[in-house]
Amino acid sequence: MKKLILLPVALCLLLSLAACGEKSAQATTARHLRIGTPEANGKLTGIEGIAEKKGFLQEALAPLGYDFEVIGFAGAGPAVNEALVGKQLDFALYADVPGIVLRSKGVPISLLAVATEATNACITVKKDAGIQTVADLKGKKIAFFKGTYMHRYLLDVLAQNGLAEGDVQLIQMNNDAESSLLNGTVDAIVQTELFTLRLLEKSDAVTTIDSTKQHPDLAGQMILVGNEALLQKDPNLAPALLQALREAKEYAEKNPEECYQLLADPLGITAQNVEVLNSFTEPEQLNNYAIDITETSVAKLGASKDFLLAHKFIQKDFSIDDWKYTK
């Protein structure tokens, strides 16, 4: 009789152990996603940063059997591109230009989302340099990153102020942009608004004389791109990522002050300047976090592509609409 009682108990234990073993195997075989960012600290910023900080990304990916890590690259967009080509990354969140460059080379990446429709840049000078307007840059040394949305912005804003490329000294930016400006090696630098805010917090010797906020059509965009083969293999992956971004946007709109604090450390600026960079209360700025690929974002991507073609930074044209991810 005891044997008859023990048999069901033993069977239950075996089934329980088998279930635990299956869960353990699932945990150890979770598919690992690698997301690249040009932020060297390996931290996501903006809406995507909130999606990570509040767990929306984790909650969206876990049911599909994925975990993820964010990998930062000090070499900015070009370094992220190298990692994508080398299959060291599955996704990238970065500016539109490196994505366009990579797609033009035929690398199989799909455009999933426009995380931010307006990524701004600023022209920064020393306060005591006697440079108060863009027109005052005539004959001056200006450092910038070639082949970026900042390059396009600089050339257009110079032209708007009656200056041609030959009227200034254009210098390729290096990692010492801040010190080059402060020690007078260059007279002005063109950098992202985030870099500029960090510099303004550290030094009261500098100021900005112009920004893409005054020329919205010249602002860049932050995009999410992903490996085409991976996305086609798992059609649930793209919707999960986009849903996480949408939830983050909704959360930021309802909890702006908390989100400013959440992003302050990853961005390396004060919460007050996070609001300058990413306002979650002004309807116009909230619309910048489009996520869906809108007609506006497609037009801006097309303008950036045309600029790169005209200046021979890319050789092969392609359709932005064909770049967009489809199941």
C-alpha atoms as a PDB file:
ATOM      1  CA  MET A   1       0.000   0.000   0.000  1.00  0.00           C
ATOM      2  CA  LYS A   2       2.846   2.379   0.860  1.00  0.00           C
ATOM      3  CA  LYS A   3       4.398   1.675  -2.544  1.00  0.00           C
ATOM      4  CA  LEU A   4       1.147   2.668  -4.235  1.00  0.00           C
ATOM      5  CA  ILE A   5       1.104   5.992  -2.335  1.00  0.00           C
ATOM      6  CA  LEU A   6       4.764   6.735  -3.010  1.00  0.00           C
ATOM      7  CA  LEU A   7       4.491   6.176  -6.758  1.00  0.00           C
ATOM      8  CA  PRO A   8       2.302   9.231  -7.472  1.00  0.00           C
ATOM      9  CA  VAL A   9       4.484  11.349  -5.171  1.00  0.00           C
ATOM     10  CA  ALA A  10       7.626  10.245  -6.958  1.00  0.00           C
ATOM     11  CA  LEU A  11       5.991  10.885 -10.304  1.00  0.00           C
ATOM     12  CA  CYS A  12       5.047  14.423  -9.262  1.00  0.00           C
ATOM     13  CA  LEU A  13       8.584  15.094  -8.094  1.00  0.00           C
ATOM     14  CA  LEU A  14       9.984  13.886 -11.393  1.00  0.00           C
ATOM     15  CA  LEU A  15       7.576  16.041 -13.373  1.00  0.00           C
ATOM     16  CA  SER A  16       8.403  19.032 -11.181  1.00  0.00           C
ATOM     17  CA  LEU A  17      12.120  18.528 -11.637  1.00  0.00           C
ATOM     18  CA  ALA A  18      11.640  18.149 -15.378  1.00  0.00           C
ATOM     19  CA  ALA A  19       9.671  21.416 -15.499  1.00  0.00           C
ATOM     20  CA  CYS A  20      12.346  23.199 -13.493  1.00  0.00           C
ATOM     21  CA  GLY A  21      14.986  21.784 -15.784  1.00  0.00           C
ATOM     22  CA  GLU A  22      13.066  23.013 -18.818  1.00  0.00           C
ATOM     23  CA  LYS A  23      12.737  26.519 -17.339  1.00  0.00           C
ATOM     24  CA  SER A  24      16.426  26.513 -16.468  1.00  0.00           C
ATOM     25  CA  ALA A  25      17.326  25.485 -19.997  1.00  0.00           C
ATOM     26  CA  GLN A  26      15.124  28.264 -21.373  1.00  0.00           C
ATOM     27  CA  ALA A  27      16.818  30.779 -19.089  1.00  0.00           C
ATOM     28  CA  THR A  28      20.302  29.752 -20.152  1.00  0.00           C
ATOM     29  CA  THR A  29      19.413  29.676 -23.831  1.00  0.00           C
ATOM     30  CA  ALA A  30      17.743  33.126 -23.946  1.00  0.00           C
ATOM     31  CA  ARG A  31      18.553  34.819 -27.199  1.00  0.00           C
ATOM     32  CA  HIS A  32      20.894  37.715 -26.550  1.00  0.00           C
ATOM     33  CA  LEU A  33      20.370  40.998 -28.397  1.00  0.00           C
ATOM     34  CA  ARG A  34      23.137  43.582 -28.739  1.00  0.00           C
ATOM     35  CA  ILE A  35      22.097  47.212 -29.133  1.00  0.00           C
ATOM     36  CA  GLY A  36      24.723  49.752 -30.180  1.00  0.00           C
ATOM     37  CA  THR A  37      24.836  53.433 -29.258  1.00  0.00           C
ATOM     38  CA  PRO A  38      27.327  56.227 -29.995  1.00  0.00           C
ATOM     39  CA  GLU A  39      27.216  57.121 -26.302  1.00  0.00           C
ATOM     40  CA  ALA A  40      30.593  55.828 -25.111  1.00  0.00           C
ATOM     41  CA  ASN A  41      29.171  55.113 -21.643  1.00  0.00           C
ATOM     42  CA  GLY A  42      26.901  52.473 -23.167  1.00  0.00           C
ATOM     43  CA  LYS A  43      23.736  54.115 -21.876  1.00  0.00           C
ATOM     44  CA  LEU A  44      20.577  54.772 -23.852  1.00  0.00           C
ATOM     45  CA  THR A  45      19.189  58.304 -23.778  1.00  0.00           C
ATOM     46  CA  GLY A  46      15.890  59.969 -24.652  1.00  0.00           C
ATOM     47  CA  ILE A  47      12.728  57.889 -24.988  1.00  0.00           C
ATOM     48  CA  GLU A  48      14.806  54.746 -25.508  1.00  0.00           C
ATOM     49  CA  GLY A  49      16.633  55.423 -22.239  1.00  0.00           C
ATOM     50  CA  ILE A  50      13.326  55.594 -20.400  1.00  0.00           C
ATOM     51  CA  ALA A  51      12.238  52.359 -22.084  1.00  0.00           C
ATOM     52  CA  GLU A  52      15.289  50.682 -20.588  1.00  0.00           C
ATOM     53  CA  LYS A  53      15.238  52.415 -17.190  1.00  0.00           C
ATOM     54  CA  LYS A  54      11.553  51.695 -16.546  1.00  0.00           C
ATOM     55  CA  GLY A  55      11.794  48.117 -17.802  1.00  0.00           C
ATOM     56  CA  PHE A  56       9.563  48.483 -20.859  1.00  0.00           C
ATOM     57  CA  LEU A  57      12.221  46.969 -23.121  1.00  0.00           C
ATOM     58  CA  GLN A  58      12.776  44.062 -20.768  1.00  0.00           C
ATOM     59  CA  GLU A  59       9.034  43.415 -20.442  1.00  0.00           C
ATOM     60  CA  ALA A  60       8.535  43.490 -24.205  1.00  0.00           C
ATOM     61  CA  LEU A  61      11.445  41.181 -25.036  1.00  0.00           C
ATOM     62  CA  ALA A  62      11.325  38.611 -22.232  1.00  0.00           C
ATOM     63  CA  PRO A  63       8.130  36.842 -23.425  1.00  0.00           C
ATOM     64  CA  LEU A  64       9.836  36.336 -26.798  1.00  0.00           C
ATOM     65  CA  GLY A  65      12.831  34.718 -25.095  1.00  0.00           C
ATOM     66  CA  TYR A  66      15.273  37.630 -25.437  1.00  0.00           C
ATOM     67  CA  ASP A  67      17.561  39.496 -23.119  1.00  0.00           C
ATOM     68  CA  PHE A  68      19.747  42.377 -24.262  1.00  0.00           C
ATOM     69  CA  GLU A  69      22.768  44.532 -23.577  1.00  0.00           C
ATOM     70  CA  VAL A  70      23.610  48.068 -24.682  1.00  0.00           C
ATOM     71  CA  ILE A  71      27.112  48.597 -26.084  1.00  0.00           C
ATOM     72  CA  GLY A  72      28.630  52.081 -26.336  1.00  0.00           C
ATOM     73  CA  PHE A  73      31.143  53.214 -28.966  1.00  0.00           C
ATOM     74  CA  ALA A  74      33.512  56.135 -28.445  1.00  0.00           C
ATOM     75  CA  GLY A  75      34.005  56.320 -32.214  1.00  0.00           C
ATOM     76  CA  ALA A  76      30.372  57.432 -32.645  1.00  0.00           C
ATOM     77  CA  GLY A  77      28.360  56.475 -35.748  1.00  0.00           C
ATOM     78  CA  PRO A  78      31.236  55.090 -37.865  1.00  0.00           C
ATOM     79  CA  ALA A  79      32.281  52.744 -35.049  1.00  0.00           C
ATOM     80  CA  VAL A  80      28.689  51.566 -34.606  1.00  0.00           C
ATOM     81  CA  ASN A  81      28.541  50.897 -38.351  1.00  0.00           C
ATOM     82  CA  GLU A  82      31.711  48.813 -38.209  1.00  0.00           C
ATOM     83  CA  ALA A  83      30.170  46.692 -35.464  1.00  0.00           C
ATOM     84  CA  LEU A  84      26.970  46.223 -37.469  1.00  0.00           C
ATOM     85  CA  VAL A  85      28.950  45.142 -40.537  1.00  0.00           C
ATOM     86  CA  GLY A  86      31.022  42.780 -38.386  1.00  0.00           C
ATOM     87  CA  LYS A  87      27.812  41.246 -36.953  1.00  0.00           C
ATOM     88  CA  GLN A  88      28.805  42.361 -33.457  1.00  0.00           C
ATOM     89  CA  LEU A  89      25.481  44.188 -33.100  1.00  0.00           C
ATOM     90  CA  ASP A  90      21.866  43.343 -33.852  1.00  0.00           C
ATOM     91  CA  PHE A  91      20.420  46.848 -33.522  1.00  0.00           C
ATOM     92  CA  ALA A  92      21.648  50.423 -33.352  1.00  0.00           C
ATOM     93  CA  LEU A  93      20.143  53.626 -31.993  1.00  0.00           C
ATOM     94  CA  TYR A  94      22.049  56.530 -33.513  1.00  0.00           C
ATOM     95  CA  ALA A  95      21.877  59.538 -35.822  1.00  0.00           C
ATOM     96  CA  ASP A  96      20.349  59.213 -39.257  1.00  0.00           C
ATOM     97  CA  VAL A  97      23.467  59.888 -41.339  1.00  0.00           C
ATOM     98  CA  PRO A  98      25.517  56.804 -40.353  1.00  0.00           C
ATOM     99  CA  GLY A  99      22.425  54.694 -40.962  1.00  0.00           C
ATOM    100  CA  ILE A 100      22.031  56.197 -44.441  1.00  0.00           C
ATOM    101  CA  VAL A 101      25.716  55.622 -45.167  1.00  0.00           C
ATOM    102  CA  LEU A 102      25.472  51.969 -44.172  1.00  0.00           C
ATOM    103  CA  ARG A 103      22.306  51.342 -46.162  1.00  0.00           C
ATOM    104  CA  SER A 104      23.833  52.969 -49.254  1.00  0.00           C
ATOM    105  CA  LYS A 105      26.622  50.399 -49.084  1.00  0.00           C
ATOM    106  CA  GLY A 106      24.087  47.600 -49.332  1.00  0.00           C
ATOM    107  CA  VAL A 107      24.423  46.395 -45.750  1.00  0.00           C
ATOM    108  CA  PRO A 108      21.168  44.557 -44.894  1.00  0.00           C
ATOM    109  CA  ILE A 109      19.796  46.745 -42.092  1.00  0.00           C
ATOM    110  CA  SER A 110      16.171  47.839 -41.836  1.00  0.00           C
ATOM    111  CA  LEU A 111      14.843  51.164 -40.585  1.00  0.00           C
ATOM    112  CA  LEU A 112      12.500  50.339 -37.703  1.00  0.00           C
ATOM    113  CA  ALA A 113      11.723  53.681 -36.097  1.00  0.00           C
ATOM    114  CA  VAL A 114      12.570  57.340 -35.786  1.00  0.00           C
ATOM    115  CA  ALA A 115      13.134  57.726 -32.064  1.00  0.00           C
ATOM    116  CA  THR A 116      13.534  61.502 -32.366  1.00  0.00           C
ATOM    117  CA  GLU A 117      12.673  63.645 -35.379  1.00  0.00           C
ATOM    118  CA  ALA A 118      14.772  66.603 -34.203  1.00  0.00           C
ATOM    119  CA  THR A 119      18.289  66.000 -32.901  1.00  0.00           C
ATOM    120  CA  ASN A 120      19.792  69.450 -32.629  1.00  0.00           C
ATOM    121  CA  ALA A 121      23.282  70.859 -33.130  1.00  0.00           C
ATOM    122  CA  CYS A 122      24.888  74.139 -32.034  1.00  0.00           C
ATOM    123  CA  ILE A 123      27.740  76.406 -33.077  1.00  0.00           C
ATOM    124  CA  THR A 124      29.806  77.210 -29.996  1.00  0.00           C
ATOM    125  CA  VAL A 125      32.510  79.887 -29.589  1.00  0.00           C
ATOM    126  CA  LYS A 126      34.481  81.469 -26.765  1.00  0.00           C
ATOM    127  CA  LYS A 127      32.757  84.483 -25.259  1.00  0.00           C
ATOM    128  CA  ASP A 128      35.859  86.658 -25.603  1.00  0.00           C
ATOM    129  CA  ALA A 129      36.488  85.738 -29.262  1.00  0.00           C
ATOM    130  CA  GLY A 130      34.499  88.642 -30.675  1.00  0.00           C
ATOM    131  CA  ILE A 131      32.242  86.251 -32.599  1.00  0.00           C
ATOM    132  CA  GLN A 132      28.587  87.073 -32.050  1.00  0.00           C
ATOM    133  CA  THR A 133      26.934  85.950 -35.287  1.00  0.00           C
ATOM    134  CA  VAL A 134      27.465  83.347 -37.993  1.00  0.00           C
ATOM    135  CA  ALA A 135      28.644  86.124 -40.315  1.00  0.00           C
ATOM    136  CA  ASP A 136      31.504  86.811 -37.868  1.00  0.00           C
ATOM    137  CA  LEU A 137      32.921  83.343 -38.664  1.00  0.00           C
ATOM    138  CA  LYS A 138      34.454  84.626 -41.910  1.00  0.00           C
ATOM    139  CA  GLY A 139      38.125  83.607 -41.980  1.00  0.00           C
ATOM    140  CA  LYS A 140      37.761  81.572 -38.773  1.00  0.00           C
ATOM    141  CA  LYS A 141      38.653  77.938 -38.037  1.00  0.00           C
ATOM    142  CA  ILE A 142      35.562  75.788 -37.539  1.00  0.00           C
ATOM    143  CA  ALA A 143      35.773  72.184 -36.333  1.00  0.00           C
ATOM    144  CA  PHE A 144      32.997  69.704 -37.128  1.00  0.00           C
ATOM    145  CA  PHE A 145      32.405  66.061 -38.070  1.00  0.00           C
ATOM    146  CA  LYS A 146      32.412  65.617 -41.831  1.00  0.00           C
ATOM    147  CA  GLY A 147      29.568  63.758 -43.463  1.00  0.00           C
ATOM    148  CA  THR A 148      27.104  64.291 -40.603  1.00  0.00           C
ATOM    149  CA  TYR A 149      23.890  66.254 -40.199  1.00  0.00           C
ATOM    150  CA  MET A 150      26.070  68.824 -38.413  1.00  0.00           C
ATOM    151  CA  HIS A 151      28.130  69.201 -41.601  1.00  0.00           C
ATOM    152  CA  ARG A 152      24.988  69.867 -43.635  1.00  0.00           C
ATOM    153  CA  TYR A 153      23.717  72.334 -41.036  1.00  0.00           C
ATOM    154  CA  LEU A 154      27.014  74.233 -41.002  1.00  0.00           C
ATOM    155  CA  LEU A 155      27.261  74.628 -44.784  1.00  0.00           C
ATOM    156  CA  ASP A 156      23.619  75.706 -45.095  1.00  0.00           C
ATOM    157  CA  VAL A 157      23.755  78.226 -42.274  1.00  0.00           C
ATOM    158  CA  LEU A 158      27.010  79.681 -43.646  1.00  0.00           C
ATOM    159  CA  ALA A 159      25.347  80.107 -47.042  1.00  0.00           C
ATOM    160  CA  GLN A 160      22.347  81.778 -45.422  1.00  0.00           C
ATOM    161  CA  ASN A 161      24.768  84.336 -43.997  1.00  0.00           C
ATOM    162  CA  GLY A 162      26.561  84.975 -47.289  1.00  0.00           C
ATOM    163  CA  LEU A 163      29.576  82.751 -46.604  1.00  0.00           C
ATOM    164  CA  ALA A 164      30.955  80.048 -48.896  1.00  0.00           C
ATOM    165  CA  GLU A 165      33.157  77.122 -47.815  1.00  0.00           C
ATOM    166  CA  GLY A 166      36.214  79.040 -48.979  1.00  0.00           C
ATOM    167  CA  ASP A 167      35.399  81.943 -46.653  1.00  0.00           C
ATOM    168  CA  VAL A 168      36.149  79.843 -43.559  1.00  0.00           C
ATOM    169  CA  GLN A 169      38.695  77.202 -42.533  1.00  0.00           C
ATOM    170  CA  LEU A 170      36.899  73.887 -42.151  1.00  0.00           C
ATOM    171  CA  ILE A 171      38.625  71.384 -39.860  1.00  0.00           C
ATOM    172  CA  GLN A 172      37.678  67.777 -39.157  1.00  0.00           C
ATOM    173  CA  MET A 173      36.631  67.389 -35.542  1.00  0.00           C
ATOM    174  CA  ASN A 174      38.679  65.211 -33.206  1.00  0.00           C
ATOM    175  CA  ASN A 175      38.154  63.950 -29.681  1.00  0.00           C
ATOM    176  CA  ASP A 176      39.758  67.104 -28.285  1.00  0.00           C
ATOM    177  CA  ALA A 177      37.076  69.462 -29.580  1.00  0.00           C
ATOM    178  CA  GLU A 178      36.455  70.993 -26.169  1.00  0.00           C
ATOM    179  CA  SER A 179      40.099  71.738 -25.397  1.00  0.00           C
ATOM    180  CA  SER A 180      40.720  72.883 -28.991  1.00  0.00           C
ATOM    181  CA  LEU A 181      38.050  75.526 -28.582  1.00  0.00           C
ATOM    182  CA  LEU A 182      39.130  76.617 -25.109  1.00  0.00           C
ATOM    183  CA  ASN A 183      42.827  76.913 -26.002  1.00  0.00           C
ATOM    184  CA  GLY A 184      42.121  78.751 -29.253  1.00  0.00           C
ATOM    185  CA  THR A 185      43.285  76.055 -31.683  1.00  0.00           C
ATOM    186  CA  VAL A 186      39.903  76.500 -33.373  1.00  0.00           C
ATOM    187  CA  ASP A 187      37.518  79.443 -33.235  1.00  0.00           C
ATOM    188  CA  ALA A 188      34.249  77.522 -33.281  1.00  0.00           C
ATOM    189  CA  ILE A 189      32.939  73.990 -33.034  1.00  0.00           C
ATOM    190  CA  VAL A 190      29.749  72.484 -34.392  1.00  0.00           C
ATOM    191  CA  GLN A 191      28.485  69.761 -32.103  1.00  0.00           C
ATOM    192  CA  THR A 192      25.319  68.063 -30.912  1.00  0.00           C
ATOM    193  CA  GLU A 193      23.137  69.950 -28.457  1.00  0.00           C
ATOM    194  CA  LEU A 194      23.923  67.304 -25.844  1.00  0.00           C
ATOM    195  CA  PHE A 195      27.682  67.847 -26.189  1.00  0.00           C
ATOM    196  CA  THR A 196      27.092  71.612 -26.095  1.00  0.00           C
ATOM    197  CA  LEU A 197      25.024  71.444 -22.900  1.00  0.00           C
ATOM    198  CA  ARG A 198      27.733  69.365 -21.230  1.00  0.00           C
ATOM    199  CA  LEU A 199      30.336  71.936 -22.262  1.00  0.00           C
ATOM    200  CA  LEU A 200      28.236  74.895 -21.093  1.00  0.00           C
ATOM    201  CA  GLU A 201      27.809  73.228 -17.691  1.00  0.00           C
ATOM    202  CA  LYS A 202      31.579  72.803 -17.337  1.00  0.00           C
ATOM    203  CA  SER A 203      32.759  76.147 -18.681  1.00  0.00           C
ATOM    204  CA  ASP A 204      31.361  79.656 -18.476  1.00  0.00           C
ATOM    205  CA  ALA A 205      33.921  80.785 -21.066  1.00  0.00           C
ATOM    206  CA  VAL A 206      31.853  79.613 -24.028  1.00  0.00           C
ATOM    207  CA  THR A 207      28.522  80.450 -25.630  1.00  0.00           C
ATOM    208  CA  THR A 208      26.437  79.410 -28.620  1.00  0.00           C
ATOM    209  CA  ILE A 209      25.760  81.706 -31.568  1.00  0.00           C
ATOM    210  CA  ASP A 210      23.405  79.505 -33.570  1.00  0.00           C
ATOM    211  CA  SER A 211      21.451  76.249 -33.367  1.00  0.00           C
ATOM    212  CA  THR A 212      19.336  73.996 -35.556  1.00  0.00           C
ATOM    213  CA  LYS A 213      16.465  75.031 -33.286  1.00  0.00           C
ATOM    214  CA  GLN A 214      16.519  78.186 -35.413  1.00  0.00           C
ATOM    215  CA  HIS A 215      16.619  76.016 -38.568  1.00  0.00           C
ATOM    216  CA  PRO A 216      14.408  72.966 -37.806  1.00  0.00           C
ATOM    217  CA  ASP A 217      14.737  71.529 -41.308  1.00  0.00           C
ATOM    218  CA  LEU A 218      18.486  71.115 -40.722  1.00  0.00           C
ATOM    219  CA  ALA A 219      18.196  69.100 -37.509  1.00  0.00           C
ATOM    220  CA  GLY A 220      19.189  65.446 -37.544  1.00  0.00           C
ATOM    221  CA  GLN A 221      17.131  62.445 -36.445  1.00  0.00           C
ATOM    222  CA  MET A 222      17.745  59.532 -34.094  1.00  0.00           C
ATOM    223  CA  ILE A 223      16.837  56.242 -35.728  1.00  0.00           C
ATOM    224  CA  LEU A 224      16.535  52.586 -34.768  1.00  0.00           C
ATOM    225  CA  VAL A 225      17.922  50.121 -37.299  1.00  0.00           C
ATOM    226  CA  GLY A 226      18.157  46.348 -37.083  1.00  0.00           C
ATOM    227  CA  ASN A 227      19.563  43.278 -38.779  1.00  0.00           C
ATOM    228  CA  GLU A 228      17.178  42.318 -41.597  1.00  0.00           C
ATOM    229  CA  ALA A 229      17.729  38.569 -41.296  1.00  0.00           C
ATOM    230  CA  LEU A 230      16.965  38.601 -37.569  1.00  0.00           C
ATOM    231  CA  LEU A 231      13.826  40.700 -38.056  1.00  0.00           C
ATOM    232  CA  GLN A 232      12.539  38.441 -40.810  1.00  0.00           C
ATOM    233  CA  LYS A 233      13.286  35.341 -38.764  1.00  0.00           C
ATOM    234  CA  ASP A 234      11.237  36.624 -35.823  1.00  0.00           C
ATOM    235  CA  PRO A 235       8.367  38.873 -36.994  1.00  0.00           C
ATOM    236  CA  ASN A 236       7.349  39.516 -33.365  1.00  0.00           C
ATOM    237  CA  LEU A 237      10.596  41.254 -32.521  1.00  0.00           C
ATOM    238  CA  ALA A 238      10.059  44.603 -34.272  1.00  0.00           C
ATOM    239  CA  PRO A 239       6.536  45.144 -32.861  1.00  0.00           C
ATOM    240  CA  ALA A 240       7.828  44.376 -29.358  1.00  0.00           C
ATOM    241  CA  LEU A 241      10.606  46.963 -29.616  1.00  0.00           C
ATOM    242  CA  LEU A 242       8.264  49.623 -30.985  1.00  0.00           C
ATOM    243  CA  GLN A 243       5.701  48.926 -28.288  1.00  0.00           C
ATOM    244  CA  ALA A 244       8.371  49.450 -25.624  1.00  0.00           C
ATOM    245  CA  LEU A 245       9.231  52.853 -27.128  1.00  0.00           C
ATOM    246  CA  ARG A 246       5.563  53.856 -27.255  1.00  0.00           C
ATOM    247  CA  GLU A 247       5.069  52.896 -23.611  1.00  0.00           C
ATOM    248  CA  ALA A 248       8.151  54.922 -22.681  1.00  0.00           C
ATOM    249  CA  LYS A 249       6.839  57.981 -24.520  1.00  0.00           C
ATOM    250  CA  GLU A 250       3.477  57.693 -22.756  1.00  0.00           C
ATOM    251  CA  TYR A 251       5.206  57.303 -19.387  1.00  0.00           C
ATOM    252  CA  ALA A 252       7.429  60.353 -20.014  1.00  0.00           C
ATOM    253  CA  GLU A 253       4.408  62.465 -20.900  1.00  0.00           C
ATOM    254  CA  LYS A 254       2.709  61.510 -17.626  1.00  0.00           C
ATOM    255  CA  ASN A 255       5.848  61.652 -15.441  1.00  0.00           C
ATOM    256  CA  PRO A 256       8.137  64.298 -16.957  1.00  0.00           C
ATOM    257  CA  GLU A 257      10.002  65.361 -13.798  1.00  0.00           C
ATOM    258  CA  GLU A 258      10.840  61.764 -12.869  1.00  0.00           C
ATOM    259  CA  CYS A 259      12.092  61.110 -16.394  1.00  0.00           C
ATOM    260  CA  TYR A 260      14.328  64.187 -16.380  1.00  0.00           C
ATOM    261  CA  GLN A 261      15.971  62.815 -13.246  1.00  0.00           C
ATOM    262  CA  LEU A 262      16.231  59.316 -14.745  1.00  0.00           C
ATOM    263  CA  LEU A 263      18.104  60.626 -17.785  1.00  0.00           C
ATOM    264  CA  ALA A 264      20.375  63.109 -16.034  1.00  0.00           C
ATOM    265  CA  ASP A 265      23.090  60.581 -15.178  1.00  0.00           C
ATOM    266  CA  PRO A 266      23.140  58.720 -18.539  1.00  0.00           C
ATOM    267  CA  LEU A 267      23.249  62.038 -20.402  1.00  0.00           C
ATOM    268  CA  GLY A 268      25.855  63.575 -18.125  1.00  0.00           C
ATOM    269  CA  ILE A 269      23.906  66.806 -17.627  1.00  0.00           C
ATOM    270  CA  THR A 270      21.598  68.271 -14.965  1.00  0.00           C
ATOM    271  CA  ALA A 271      17.913  67.408 -14.860  1.00  0.00           C
ATOM    272  CA  GLN A 272      17.192  71.027 -15.818  1.00  0.00           C
ATOM    273  CA  ASN A 273      19.222  70.644 -19.001  1.00  0.00           C
ATOM    274  CA  VAL A 274      17.610  67.284 -19.714  1.00  0.00           C
ATOM    275  CA  GLU A 275      14.384  69.266 -20.004  1.00  0.00           C
ATOM    276  CA  VAL A 276      16.091  71.657 -22.420  1.00  0.00           C
ATOM    277  CA  LEU A 277      17.191  68.667 -24.496  1.00  0.00           C
ATOM    278  CA  ASN A 278      14.104  66.458 -24.124  1.00  0.00           C
ATOM    279  CA  SER A 279      10.968  68.315 -23.085  1.00  0.00           C
ATOM    280  CA  PHE A 280       8.180  65.886 -22.245  1.00  0.00           C
ATOM    281  CA  THR A 281       5.592  68.573 -21.493  1.00  0.00           C
ATOM    282  CA  GLU A 282       5.535  70.707 -24.646  1.00  0.00           C
ATOM    283  CA  PRO A 283       3.261  69.149 -27.294  1.00  0.00           C
ATOM    284  CA  GLU A 284       5.515  70.298 -30.144  1.00  0.00           C
ATOM    285  CA  GLN A 285       8.558  68.583 -28.651  1.00  0.00           C
ATOM    286  CA  LEU A 286       6.588  65.480 -27.713  1.00  0.00           C
ATOM    287  CA  ASN A 287       5.721  65.119 -31.388  1.00  0.00           C
ATOM    288  CA  ASN A 288       9.450  64.881 -32.095  1.00  0.00           C
ATOM    289  CA  TYR A 289       9.396  61.416 -30.538  1.00  0.00           C
ATOM    290  CA  ALA A 290       7.563  60.106 -33.548  1.00  0.00           C
ATOM    291  CA  ILE A 291       8.581  56.426 -33.238  1.00  0.00           C
ATOM    292  CA  ASP A 292       6.487  55.680 -36.329  1.00  0.00           C
ATOM    293  CA  ILE A 293       8.203  56.676 -39.565  1.00  0.00           C
ATOM    294  CA  THR A 294       6.216  59.717 -40.683  1.00  0.00           C
ATOM    295  CA  GLU A 295       6.155  61.608 -43.974  1.00  0.00           C
ATOM    296  CA  THR A 296       8.137  64.361 -42.253  1.00  0.00           C
ATOM    297  CA  SER A 297      10.860  61.983 -41.124  1.00  0.00           C
ATOM    298  CA  VAL A 298      11.046  60.343 -44.569  1.00  0.00           C
ATOM    299  CA  ALA A 299      11.433  63.779 -46.194  1.00  0.00           C
ATOM    300  CA  LYS A 300      14.205  64.726 -43.763  1.00  0.00           C
ATOM    301  CA  LEU A 301      15.982  61.417 -44.319  1.00  0.00           C
ATOM    302  CA  GLY A 302      15.745  62.013 -48.056  1.00  0.00           C
ATOM    303  CA  ALA A 303      17.268  65.488 -47.710  1.00  0.00           C
ATOM    304  CA  SER A 304      20.162  64.082 -45.673  1.00  0.00           C
ATOM    305  CA  LYS A 305      20.693  61.353 -48.269  1.00  0.00           C
ATOM    306  CA  ASP A 306      20.729  63.924 -51.087  1.00  0.00           C
ATOM    307  CA  PHE A 307      23.324  65.979 -49.191  1.00  0.00           C
ATOM    308  CA  LEU A 308      25.570  62.941 -48.768  1.00  0.00           C
ATOM    309  CA  LEU A 309      25.225  62.074 -52.448  1.00  0.00           C
ATOM    310  CA  ALA A 310      25.962  65.623 -53.583  1.00  0.00           C
ATOM    311  CA  HIS A 311      29.148  65.746 -51.505  1.00  0.00           C
ATOM    312  CA  LYS A 312      30.124  62.203 -52.531  1.00  0.00           C
ATOM    313  CA  PHE A 313      30.058  60.815 -48.990  1.00  0.00           C
ATOM    314  CA  ILE A 314      27.937  58.046 -50.478  1.00  0.00           C
ATOM    315  CA  GLN A 315      27.952  56.830 -54.073  1.00  0.00           C
ATOM    316  CA  LYS A 316      24.799  54.738 -54.329  1.00  0.00           C
ATOM    317  CA  ASP A 317      21.272  56.119 -54.132  1.00  0.00           C
ATOM    318  CA  PHE A 318      18.391  54.155 -52.630  1.00  0.00           C
ATOM    319  CA  SER A 319      14.740  54.593 -51.695  1.00  0.00           C
ATOM    320  CA  ILE A 320      13.967  55.584 -48.108  1.00  0.00           C
ATOM    321  CA  ASP A 321      10.599  53.831 -48.436  1.00  0.00           C
ATOM    322  CA  ASP A 322      12.362  50.596 -49.429  1.00  0.00           C
ATOM    323  CA  TRP A 323      14.615  50.963 -46.374  1.00  0.00           C
ATOM    324  CA  LYS A 324      11.678  50.855 -43.973  1.00  0.00           C
ATOM    325  CA  TYR A 325      11.040  47.549 -42.235  1.00  0.00           C
ATOM    326  CA  THR A 326       8.141  45.478 -43.471  1.00  0.00           C
ATOM    327  CA  LYS A 327       7.109  42.019 -42.325  1.00  0.00           C
END
